[in-house]
Amino acid sequence: MTYKVLISKKALKFLNSLPEKSQRIVRNKLKILQEDPYPSKRGDKEKLTLPDYELYRMHIARTFTVFYRIRGNEVKILDLMTIEMAHKKYGRL
């Protein structure tokens, strides 16, 4: 099954603010979500169970964190930030 990957304006703004090399790394990693958005043995994706809904987190190159949701055949990128920013904003989920 192929998933449609959608990205929020906030996440897209952050992505576009990155240097070209970082943008390329992040975009290539986000493409993986089209084929396999669920956690696997590779360990870069994790399911976070929150009181209201399920949220997924993926680390990219030990530098960035992506938070996303899966609904049907769509993957919605909700937030993209550095790992340090994620720890400050969300704590260690």
PDB file of N, CA and C in Angstrom:
ATOM      1  N   MET A   1       0.837  -1.171   0.000  1.00  0.00           N
ATOM      2  CA  MET A   1       0.000   0.000   0.000  1.00  0.00           C
ATOM      3  C   MET A   1       0.890   1.245   0.000  1.00  0.00           C
ATOM      4  N   THR A   2       0.548   2.219  -0.799  1.00  0.00           N
ATOM      5  CA  THR A   2       1.273   3.476  -0.835  1.00  0.00           C
ATOM      6  C   THR A   2       0.465   4.527  -0.084  1.00  0.00           C
ATOM      7  N   TYR A   3       1.145   5.267   0.764  1.00  0.00           N
ATOM      8  CA  TYR A   3       0.506   6.303   1.566  1.00  0.00           C
ATOM      9  C   TYR A   3       0.793   7.673   0.959  1.00  0.00           C
ATOM     10  N   LYS A   4      -0.180   8.561   1.069  1.00  0.00           N
ATOM     11  CA  LYS A   4      -0.005   9.939   0.637  1.00  0.00           C
ATOM     12  C   LYS A   4       0.554  10.712   1.826  1.00  0.00           C
ATOM     13  N   VAL A   5       1.697  11.379   1.642  1.00  0.00           N
ATOM     14  CA  VAL A   5       2.332  12.124   2.720  1.00  0.00           C
ATOM     15  C   VAL A   5       1.970  13.603   2.577  1.00  0.00           C
ATOM     16  N   LEU A   6       1.330  14.137   3.607  1.00  0.00           N
ATOM     17  CA  LEU A   6       0.950  15.549   3.664  1.00  0.00           C
ATOM     18  C   LEU A   6       1.790  16.219   4.738  1.00  0.00           C
ATOM     19  N   ILE A   7       2.116  17.479   4.549  1.00  0.00           N
ATOM     20  CA  ILE A   7       2.965  18.170   5.518  1.00  0.00           C
ATOM     21  C   ILE A   7       2.298  19.486   5.925  1.00  0.00           C
ATOM     22  N   SER A   8       2.286  19.752   7.217  1.00  0.00           N
ATOM     23  CA  SER A   8       1.670  20.979   7.720  1.00  0.00           C
ATOM     24  C   SER A   8       2.492  22.187   7.280  1.00  0.00           C
ATOM     25  N   LYS A   9       1.847  23.350   7.265  1.00  0.00           N
ATOM     26  CA  LYS A   9       2.538  24.581   6.881  1.00  0.00           C
ATOM     27  C   LYS A   9       3.707  24.868   7.819  1.00  0.00           C
ATOM     28  N   LYS A  10       3.496  24.610   9.099  1.00  0.00           N
ATOM     29  CA  LYS A  10       4.535  24.857  10.101  1.00  0.00           C
ATOM     30  C   LYS A  10       5.765  23.986   9.837  1.00  0.00           C
ATOM     31  N   ALA A  11       5.533  22.694   9.576  1.00  0.00           N
ATOM     32  CA  ALA A  11       6.641  21.778   9.304  1.00  0.00           C
ATOM     33  C   ALA A  11       7.331  22.133   7.989  1.00  0.00           C
ATOM     34  N   LEU A  12       6.552  22.518   6.988  1.00  0.00           N
ATOM     35  CA  LEU A  12       7.124  22.892   5.689  1.00  0.00           C
ATOM     36  C   LEU A  12       7.980  24.155   5.817  1.00  0.00           C
ATOM     37  N   LYS A  13       7.524  25.103   6.609  1.00  0.00           N
ATOM     38  CA  LYS A  13       8.294  26.329   6.827  1.00  0.00           C
ATOM     39  C   LYS A  13       9.641  26.000   7.470  1.00  0.00           C
ATOM     40  N   PHE A  14       9.632  25.106   8.461  1.00  0.00           N
ATOM     41  CA  PHE A  14      10.884  24.707   9.105  1.00  0.00           C
ATOM     42  C   PHE A  14      11.786  23.995   8.107  1.00  0.00           C
ATOM     43  N   LEU A  15      11.223  23.080   7.331  1.00  0.00           N
ATOM     44  CA  LEU A  15      11.996  22.336   6.334  1.00  0.00           C
ATOM     45  C   LEU A  15      12.651  23.286   5.335  1.00  0.00           C
ATOM     46  N   ASN A  16      11.893  24.253   4.853  1.00  0.00           N
ATOM     47  CA  ASN A  16      12.427  25.198   3.861  1.00  0.00           C
ATOM     48  C   ASN A  16      13.486  26.131   4.442  1.00  0.00           C
ATOM     49  N   SER A  17      13.528  26.261   5.763  1.00  0.00           N
ATOM     50  CA  SER A  17      14.522  27.131   6.390  1.00  0.00           C
ATOM     51  C   SER A  17      15.874  26.436   6.576  1.00  0.00           C
ATOM     52  N   LEU A  18      15.915  25.135   6.356  1.00  0.00           N
ATOM     53  CA  LEU A  18      17.143  24.369   6.546  1.00  0.00           C
ATOM     54  C   LEU A  18      18.097  24.539   5.372  1.00  0.00           C
ATOM     55  N   PRO A  19      19.385  24.310   5.601  1.00  0.00           N
ATOM     56  CA  PRO A  19      20.342  24.310   4.479  1.00  0.00           C
ATOM     57  C   PRO A  19      19.968  23.217   3.474  1.00  0.00           C
ATOM     58  N   GLU A  20      20.396  23.382   2.231  1.00  0.00           N
ATOM     59  CA  GLU A  20      20.025  22.448   1.163  1.00  0.00           C
ATOM     60  C   GLU A  20      20.328  20.996   1.500  1.00  0.00           C
ATOM     61  N   LYS A  21      21.500  20.737   2.044  1.00  0.00           N
ATOM     62  CA  LYS A  21      21.880  19.360   2.355  1.00  0.00           C
ATOM     63  C   LYS A  21      20.922  18.754   3.385  1.00  0.00           C
ATOM     64  N   SER A  22      20.587  19.502   4.416  1.00  0.00           N
ATOM     65  CA  SER A  22      19.653  19.012   5.437  1.00  0.00           C
ATOM     66  C   SER A  22      18.264  18.808   4.843  1.00  0.00           C
ATOM     67  N   GLN A  23      17.841  19.719   3.977  1.00  0.00           N
ATOM     68  CA  GLN A  23      16.535  19.561   3.309  1.00  0.00           C
ATOM     69  C   GLN A  23      16.494  18.255   2.530  1.00  0.00           C
ATOM     70  N   ARG A  24      17.553  17.984   1.794  1.00  0.00           N
ATOM     71  CA  ARG A  24      17.613  16.765   0.977  1.00  0.00           C
ATOM     72  C   ARG A  24      17.544  15.519   1.858  1.00  0.00           C
ATOM     73  N   ILE A  25      18.268  15.517   2.969  1.00  0.00           N
ATOM     74  CA  ILE A  25      18.258  14.373   3.883  1.00  0.00           C
ATOM     75  C   ILE A  25      16.860  14.158   4.455  1.00  0.00           C
ATOM     76  N   VAL A  26      16.235  15.238   4.906  1.00  0.00           N
ATOM     77  CA  VAL A  26      14.899  15.137   5.506  1.00  0.00           C
ATOM     78  C   VAL A  26      13.877  14.686   4.466  1.00  0.00           C
ATOM     79  N   ARG A  27      13.896  15.291   3.285  1.00  0.00           N
ATOM     80  CA  ARG A  27      12.927  14.921   2.233  1.00  0.00           C
ATOM     81  C   ARG A  27      13.064  13.440   1.850  1.00  0.00           C
ATOM     82  N   ASN A  28      14.292  12.965   1.724  1.00  0.00           N
ATOM     83  CA  ASN A  28      14.503  11.554   1.385  1.00  0.00           C
ATOM     84  C   ASN A  28      13.959  10.638   2.467  1.00  0.00           C
ATOM     85  N   LYS A  29      14.128  11.031   3.709  1.00  0.00           N
ATOM     86  CA  LYS A  29      13.627  10.221   4.821  1.00  0.00           C
ATOM     87  C   LYS A  29      12.100  10.256   4.869  1.00  0.00           C
ATOM     88  N   LEU A  30      11.506  11.417   4.580  1.00  0.00           N
ATOM     89  CA  LEU A  30      10.047  11.517   4.579  1.00  0.00           C
ATOM     90  C   LEU A  30       9.422  10.667   3.475  1.00  0.00           C
ATOM     91  N   LYS A  31      10.152  10.483   2.382  1.00  0.00           N
ATOM     92  CA  LYS A  31       9.648   9.641   1.284  1.00  0.00           C
ATOM     93  C   LYS A  31       9.451   8.199   1.738  1.00  0.00           C
ATOM     94  N   ILE A  32      10.232   7.769   2.710  1.00  0.00           N
ATOM     95  CA  ILE A  32      10.098   6.407   3.234  1.00  0.00           C
ATOM     96  C   ILE A  32       8.707   6.183   3.820  1.00  0.00           C
ATOM     97  N   LEU A  33       8.115   7.256   4.354  1.00  0.00           N
ATOM     98  CA  LEU A  33       6.786   7.136   4.951  1.00  0.00           C
ATOM     99  C   LEU A  33       5.717   6.779   3.931  1.00  0.00           C
ATOM    100  N   GLN A  34       5.976   7.022   2.645  1.00  0.00           N
ATOM    101  CA  GLN A  34       5.023   6.645   1.598  1.00  0.00           C
ATOM    102  C   GLN A  34       4.824   5.136   1.552  1.00  0.00           C
ATOM    103  N   GLU A  35       5.865   4.391   1.814  1.00  0.00           N
ATOM    104  CA  GLU A  35       5.807   2.941   1.725  1.00  0.00           C
ATOM    105  C   GLU A  35       5.649   2.251   3.074  1.00  0.00           C
ATOM    106  N   ASP A  36       6.234   2.841   4.124  1.00  0.00           N
ATOM    107  CA  ASP A  36       6.222   2.181   5.424  1.00  0.00           C
ATOM    108  C   ASP A  36       6.220   3.199   6.566  1.00  0.00           C
ATOM    109  N   PRO A  37       5.037   3.694   6.969  1.00  0.00           N
ATOM    110  CA  PRO A  37       4.989   4.692   8.032  1.00  0.00           C
ATOM    111  C   PRO A  37       4.996   4.104   9.447  1.00  0.00           C
ATOM    112  N   TYR A  38       4.848   2.794   9.556  1.00  0.00           N
ATOM    113  CA  TYR A  38       4.741   2.168  10.866  1.00  0.00           C
ATOM    114  C   TYR A  38       6.112   1.783  11.424  1.00  0.00           C
ATOM    115  N   PRO A  39       6.243   1.766  12.747  1.00  0.00           N
ATOM    116  CA  PRO A  39       7.510   1.369  13.370  1.00  0.00           C
ATOM    117  C   PRO A  39       7.930  -0.034  12.955  1.00  0.00           C
ATOM    118  N   SER A  40       9.232  -0.213  12.838  1.00  0.00           N
ATOM    119  CA  SER A  40       9.769  -1.523  12.466  1.00  0.00           C
ATOM    120  C   SER A  40      11.007  -1.795  13.305  1.00  0.00           C
ATOM    121  N   LYS A  41      11.719  -2.834  12.967  1.00  0.00           N
ATOM    122  CA  LYS A  41      12.914  -3.219  13.722  1.00  0.00           C
ATOM    123  C   LYS A  41      14.060  -2.228  13.569  1.00  0.00           C
ATOM    124  N   ARG A  42      14.011  -1.363  12.550  1.00  0.00           N
ATOM    125  CA  ARG A  42      15.088  -0.385  12.335  1.00  0.00           C
ATOM    126  C   ARG A  42      15.198   0.594  13.497  1.00  0.00           C
ATOM    127  N   GLY A  43      14.111   0.864  14.179  1.00  0.00           N
ATOM    128  CA  GLY A  43      14.154   1.672  15.383  1.00  0.00           C
ATOM    129  C   GLY A  43      14.112   3.176  15.190  1.00  0.00           C
ATOM    130  N   ASP A  44      13.967   3.662  13.959  1.00  0.00           N
ATOM    131  CA  ASP A  44      13.921   5.104  13.759  1.00  0.00           C
ATOM    132  C   ASP A  44      12.512   5.670  13.921  1.00  0.00           C
ATOM    133  N   LYS A  45      11.489   4.802  13.924  1.00  0.00           N
ATOM    134  CA  LYS A  45      10.094   5.220  14.093  1.00  0.00           C
ATOM    135  C   LYS A  45       9.538   4.612  15.369  1.00  0.00           C
ATOM    136  N   GLU A  46       8.680   5.381  16.037  1.00  0.00           N
ATOM    137  CA  GLU A  46       8.109   4.917  17.297  1.00  0.00           C
ATOM    138  C   GLU A  46       6.655   5.370  17.404  1.00  0.00           C
ATOM    139  N   LYS A  47       5.812   4.498  17.914  1.00  0.00           N
ATOM    140  CA  LYS A  47       4.412   4.835  18.158  1.00  0.00           C
ATOM    141  C   LYS A  47       4.282   5.384  19.575  1.00  0.00           C
ATOM    142  N   LEU A  48       3.672   6.562  19.694  1.00  0.00           N
ATOM    143  CA  LEU A  48       3.428   7.182  20.991  1.00  0.00           C
ATOM    144  C   LEU A  48       1.925   7.148  21.243  1.00  0.00           C
ATOM    145  N   THR A  49       1.504   6.518  22.305  1.00  0.00           N
ATOM    146  CA  THR A  49       0.081   6.447  22.611  1.00  0.00           C
ATOM    147  C   THR A  49      -0.252   7.542  23.609  1.00  0.00           C
ATOM    148  N   LEU A  50      -1.014   8.509  23.154  1.00  0.00           N
ATOM    149  CA  LEU A  50      -1.440   9.629  23.976  1.00  0.00           C
ATOM    150  C   LEU A  50      -2.893   9.411  24.389  1.00  0.00           C
ATOM    151  N   PRO A  51      -3.381  10.138  25.382  1.00  0.00           N
ATOM    152  CA  PRO A  51      -4.757   9.924  25.852  1.00  0.00           C
ATOM    153  C   PRO A  51      -5.821  10.050  24.759  1.00  0.00           C
ATOM    154  N   ASP A  52      -5.640  10.982  23.821  1.00  0.00           N
ATOM    155  CA  ASP A  52      -6.682  11.229  22.826  1.00  0.00           C
ATOM    156  C   ASP A  52      -6.479  10.516  21.485  1.00  0.00           C
ATOM    157  N   TYR A  53      -5.223  10.222  21.126  1.00  0.00           N
ATOM    158  CA  TYR A  53      -4.971   9.617  19.817  1.00  0.00           C
ATOM    159  C   TYR A  53      -3.565   9.038  19.754  1.00  0.00           C
ATOM    160  N   GLU A  54      -3.292   8.362  18.660  1.00  0.00           N
ATOM    161  CA  GLU A  54      -1.969   7.784  18.440  1.00  0.00           C
ATOM    162  C   GLU A  54      -1.126   8.761  17.625  1.00  0.00           C
ATOM    163  N   LEU A  55       0.093   8.912  18.026  1.00  0.00           N
ATOM    164  CA  LEU A  55       1.038   9.796  17.365  1.00  0.00           C
ATOM    165  C   LEU A  55       2.296   8.988  17.088  1.00  0.00           C
ATOM    166  N   TYR A  56       2.941   9.288  15.989  1.00  0.00           N
ATOM    167  CA  TYR A  56       4.174   8.598  15.638  1.00  0.00           C
ATOM    168  C   TYR A  56       5.313   9.607  15.595  1.00  0.00           C
ATOM    169  N   ARG A  57       6.506   9.121  15.927  1.00  0.00           N
ATOM    170  CA  ARG A  57       7.698   9.958  15.923  1.00  0.00           C
ATOM    171  C   ARG A  57       8.779   9.239  15.123  1.00  0.00           C
ATOM    172  N   MET A  58       9.505  10.000  14.317  1.00  0.00           N
ATOM    173  CA  MET A  58      10.608   9.432  13.558  1.00  0.00           C
ATOM    174  C   MET A  58      11.816  10.355  13.715  1.00  0.00           C
ATOM    175  N   HIS A  59      12.954   9.763  14.028  1.00  0.00           N
ATOM    176  CA  HIS A  59      14.198  10.512  14.098  1.00  0.00           C
ATOM    177  C   HIS A  59      14.883  10.458  12.741  1.00  0.00           C
ATOM    178  N   ILE A  60      15.481  11.570  12.366  1.00  0.00           N
ATOM    179  CA  ILE A  60      16.177  11.662  11.086  1.00  0.00           C
ATOM    180  C   ILE A  60      17.612  12.091  11.337  1.00  0.00           C
ATOM    181  N   ALA A  61      18.544  11.223  10.985  1.00  0.00           N
ATOM    182  CA  ALA A  61      19.984  11.512  11.020  1.00  0.00           C
ATOM    183  C   ALA A  61      20.461  12.036  12.367  1.00  0.00           C
ATOM    184  N   ARG A  62      19.879  11.579  13.432  1.00  0.00           N
ATOM    185  CA  ARG A  62      20.263  11.990  14.789  1.00  0.00           C
ATOM    186  C   ARG A  62      20.237  13.503  14.984  1.00  0.00           C
ATOM    187  N   THR A  63      19.486  14.189  14.137  1.00  0.00           N
ATOM    188  CA  THR A  63      19.435  15.642  14.196  1.00  0.00           C
ATOM    189  C   THR A  63      18.011  16.173  14.281  1.00  0.00           C
ATOM    190  N   PHE A  64      17.093  15.547  13.549  1.00  0.00           N
ATOM    191  CA  PHE A  64      15.722  16.045  13.455  1.00  0.00           C
ATOM    192  C   PHE A  64      14.719  15.018  13.975  1.00  0.00           C
ATOM    193  N   THR A  65      13.565  15.531  14.387  1.00  0.00           N
ATOM    194  CA  THR A  65      12.457  14.691  14.822  1.00  0.00           C
ATOM    195  C   THR A  65      11.211  15.109  14.061  1.00  0.00           C
ATOM    196  N   VAL A  66      10.466  14.131  13.576  1.00  0.00           N
ATOM    197  CA  VAL A  66       9.209  14.355  12.877  1.00  0.00           C
ATOM    198  C   VAL A  66       8.102  13.701  13.691  1.00  0.00           C
ATOM    199  N   PHE A  67       7.025  14.444  13.914  1.00  0.00           N
ATOM    200  CA  PHE A  67       5.839  13.892  14.554  1.00  0.00           C
ATOM    201  C   PHE A  67       4.759  13.801  13.489  1.00  0.00           C
ATOM    202  N   TYR A  68       4.092  12.638  13.408  1.00  0.00           N
ATOM    203  CA  TYR A  68       3.088  12.447  12.364  1.00  0.00           C
ATOM    204  C   TYR A  68       1.970  11.533  12.837  1.00  0.00           C
ATOM    205  N   ARG A  69       0.864  11.593  12.085  1.00  0.00           N
ATOM    206  CA  ARG A  69      -0.288  10.729  12.335  1.00  0.00           C
ATOM    207  C   ARG A  69      -0.601   9.962  11.065  1.00  0.00           C
ATOM    208  N   ILE A  70      -1.205   8.804  11.245  1.00  0.00           N
ATOM    209  CA  ILE A  70      -1.605   7.967  10.116  1.00  0.00           C
ATOM    210  C   ILE A  70      -3.121   7.835  10.163  1.00  0.00           C
ATOM    211  N   ARG A  71      -3.763   8.168   9.052  1.00  0.00           N
ATOM    212  CA  ARG A  71      -5.214   8.015   8.926  1.00  0.00           C
ATOM    213  C   ARG A  71      -5.500   7.400   7.564  1.00  0.00           C
ATOM    214  N   GLY A  72      -6.007   6.184   7.581  1.00  0.00           N
ATOM    215  CA  GLY A  72      -6.300   5.511   6.316  1.00  0.00           C
ATOM    216  C   GLY A  72      -5.045   5.379   5.490  1.00  0.00           C
ATOM    217  N   ASN A  73      -5.058   5.976   4.297  1.00  0.00           N
ATOM    218  CA  ASN A  73      -3.878   5.902   3.427  1.00  0.00           C
ATOM    219  C   ASN A  73      -3.115   7.225   3.394  1.00  0.00           C
ATOM    220  N   GLU A  74      -3.301   8.061   4.437  1.00  0.00           N
ATOM    221  CA  GLU A  74      -2.588   9.331   4.512  1.00  0.00           C
ATOM    222  C   GLU A  74      -1.690   9.399   5.749  1.00  0.00           C
ATOM    223  N   VAL A  75      -0.528   9.988   5.549  1.00  0.00           N
ATOM    224  CA  VAL A  75       0.399  10.273   6.638  1.00  0.00           C
ATOM    225  C   VAL A  75       0.503  11.790   6.706  1.00  0.00           C
ATOM    226  N   LYS A  76       0.146  12.360   7.846  1.00  0.00           N
ATOM    227  CA  LYS A  76       0.171  13.809   8.017  1.00  0.00           C
ATOM    228  C   LYS A  76       1.342  14.191   8.910  1.00  0.00           C
ATOM    229  N   ILE A  77       2.306  14.911   8.346  1.00  0.00           N
ATOM    230  CA  ILE A  77       3.438  15.416   9.108  1.00  0.00           C
ATOM    231  C   ILE A  77       2.929  16.623   9.899  1.00  0.00           C
ATOM    232  N   LEU A  78       2.889  16.500  11.218  1.00  0.00           N
ATOM    233  CA  LEU A  78       2.375  17.563  12.061  1.00  0.00           C
ATOM    234  C   LEU A  78       3.450  18.557  12.472  1.00  0.00           C
ATOM    235  N   ASP A  79       4.630  18.045  12.763  1.00  0.00           N
ATOM    236  CA  ASP A  79       5.694  18.898  13.264  1.00  0.00           C
ATOM    237  C   ASP A  79       7.052  18.337  12.875  1.00  0.00           C
ATOM    238  N   LEU A  80       7.974  19.220  12.596  1.00  0.00           N
ATOM    239  CA  LEU A  80       9.346  18.868  12.242  1.00  0.00           C
ATOM    240  C   LEU A  80      10.237  19.852  12.962  1.00  0.00           C
ATOM    241  N   MET A  81      11.231  19.339  13.685  1.00  0.00           N
ATOM    242  CA  MET A  81      12.119  20.198  14.463  1.00  0.00           C
ATOM    243  C   MET A  81      13.397  19.449  14.779  1.00  0.00           C
ATOM    244  N   THR A  82      14.348  20.159  15.356  1.00  0.00           N
ATOM    245  CA  THR A  82      15.567  19.489  15.794  1.00  0.00           C
ATOM    246  C   THR A  82      15.214  18.612  16.998  1.00  0.00           C
ATOM    247  N   ILE A  83      16.052  17.639  17.261  1.00  0.00           N
ATOM    248  CA  ILE A  83      15.821  16.764  18.406  1.00  0.00           C
ATOM    249  C   ILE A  83      15.843  17.580  19.698  1.00  0.00           C
ATOM    250  N   GLU A  84      16.746  18.546  19.780  1.00  0.00           N
ATOM    251  CA  GLU A  84      16.822  19.382  20.979  1.00  0.00           C
ATOM    252  C   GLU A  84      15.533  20.163  21.189  1.00  0.00           C
ATOM    253  N   MET A  85      14.989  20.721  20.107  1.00  0.00           N
ATOM    254  CA  MET A  85      13.731  21.464  20.201  1.00  0.00           C
ATOM    255  C   MET A  85      12.602  20.540  20.642  1.00  0.00           C
ATOM    256  N   ALA A  86      12.594  19.316  20.135  1.00  0.00           N
ATOM    257  CA  ALA A  86      11.549  18.357  20.500  1.00  0.00           C
ATOM    258  C   ALA A  86      11.607  18.023  21.983  1.00  0.00           C
ATOM    259  N   HIS A  87      12.806  17.852  22.506  1.00  0.00           N
ATOM    260  CA  HIS A  87      12.946  17.550  23.934  1.00  0.00           C
ATOM    261  C   HIS A  87      12.468  18.715  24.790  1.00  0.00           C
ATOM    262  N   LYS A  88      12.774  19.936  24.376  1.00  0.00           N
ATOM    263  CA  LYS A  88      12.326  21.110  25.133  1.00  0.00           C
ATOM    264  C   LYS A  88      10.808  21.269  25.067  1.00  0.00           C
ATOM    265  N   LYS A  89      10.250  21.060  23.878  1.00  0.00           N
ATOM    266  CA  LYS A  89       8.815  21.288  23.684  1.00  0.00           C
ATOM    267  C   LYS A  89       7.946  20.178  24.263  1.00  0.00           C
ATOM    268  N   TYR A  90       8.342  18.936  24.031  1.00  0.00           N
ATOM    269  CA  TYR A  90       7.505  17.803  24.415  1.00  0.00           C
ATOM    270  C   TYR A  90       8.067  16.982  25.563  1.00  0.00           C
ATOM    271  N   GLY A  91       9.273  17.269  25.988  1.00  0.00           N
ATOM    272  CA  GLY A  91       9.897  16.405  26.973  1.00  0.00           C
ATOM    273  C   GLY A  91      10.291  15.104  26.307  1.00  0.00           C
ATOM    274  N   ARG A  92      10.666  14.150  27.069  1.00  0.00           N
ATOM    275  CA  ARG A  92      11.058  12.851  26.496  1.00  0.00           C
ATOM    276  C   ARG A  92       9.854  11.930  26.498  1.00  0.00           C
ATOM    277  N   LEU A  93       9.094  11.983  25.400  1.00  0.00           N
ATOM    278  CA  LEU A  93       7.877  11.161  25.259  1.00  0.00           C
ATOM    279  C   LEU A  93       8.226   9.695  25.147  1.00  0.00           C
TER     280      LEU A  93
END
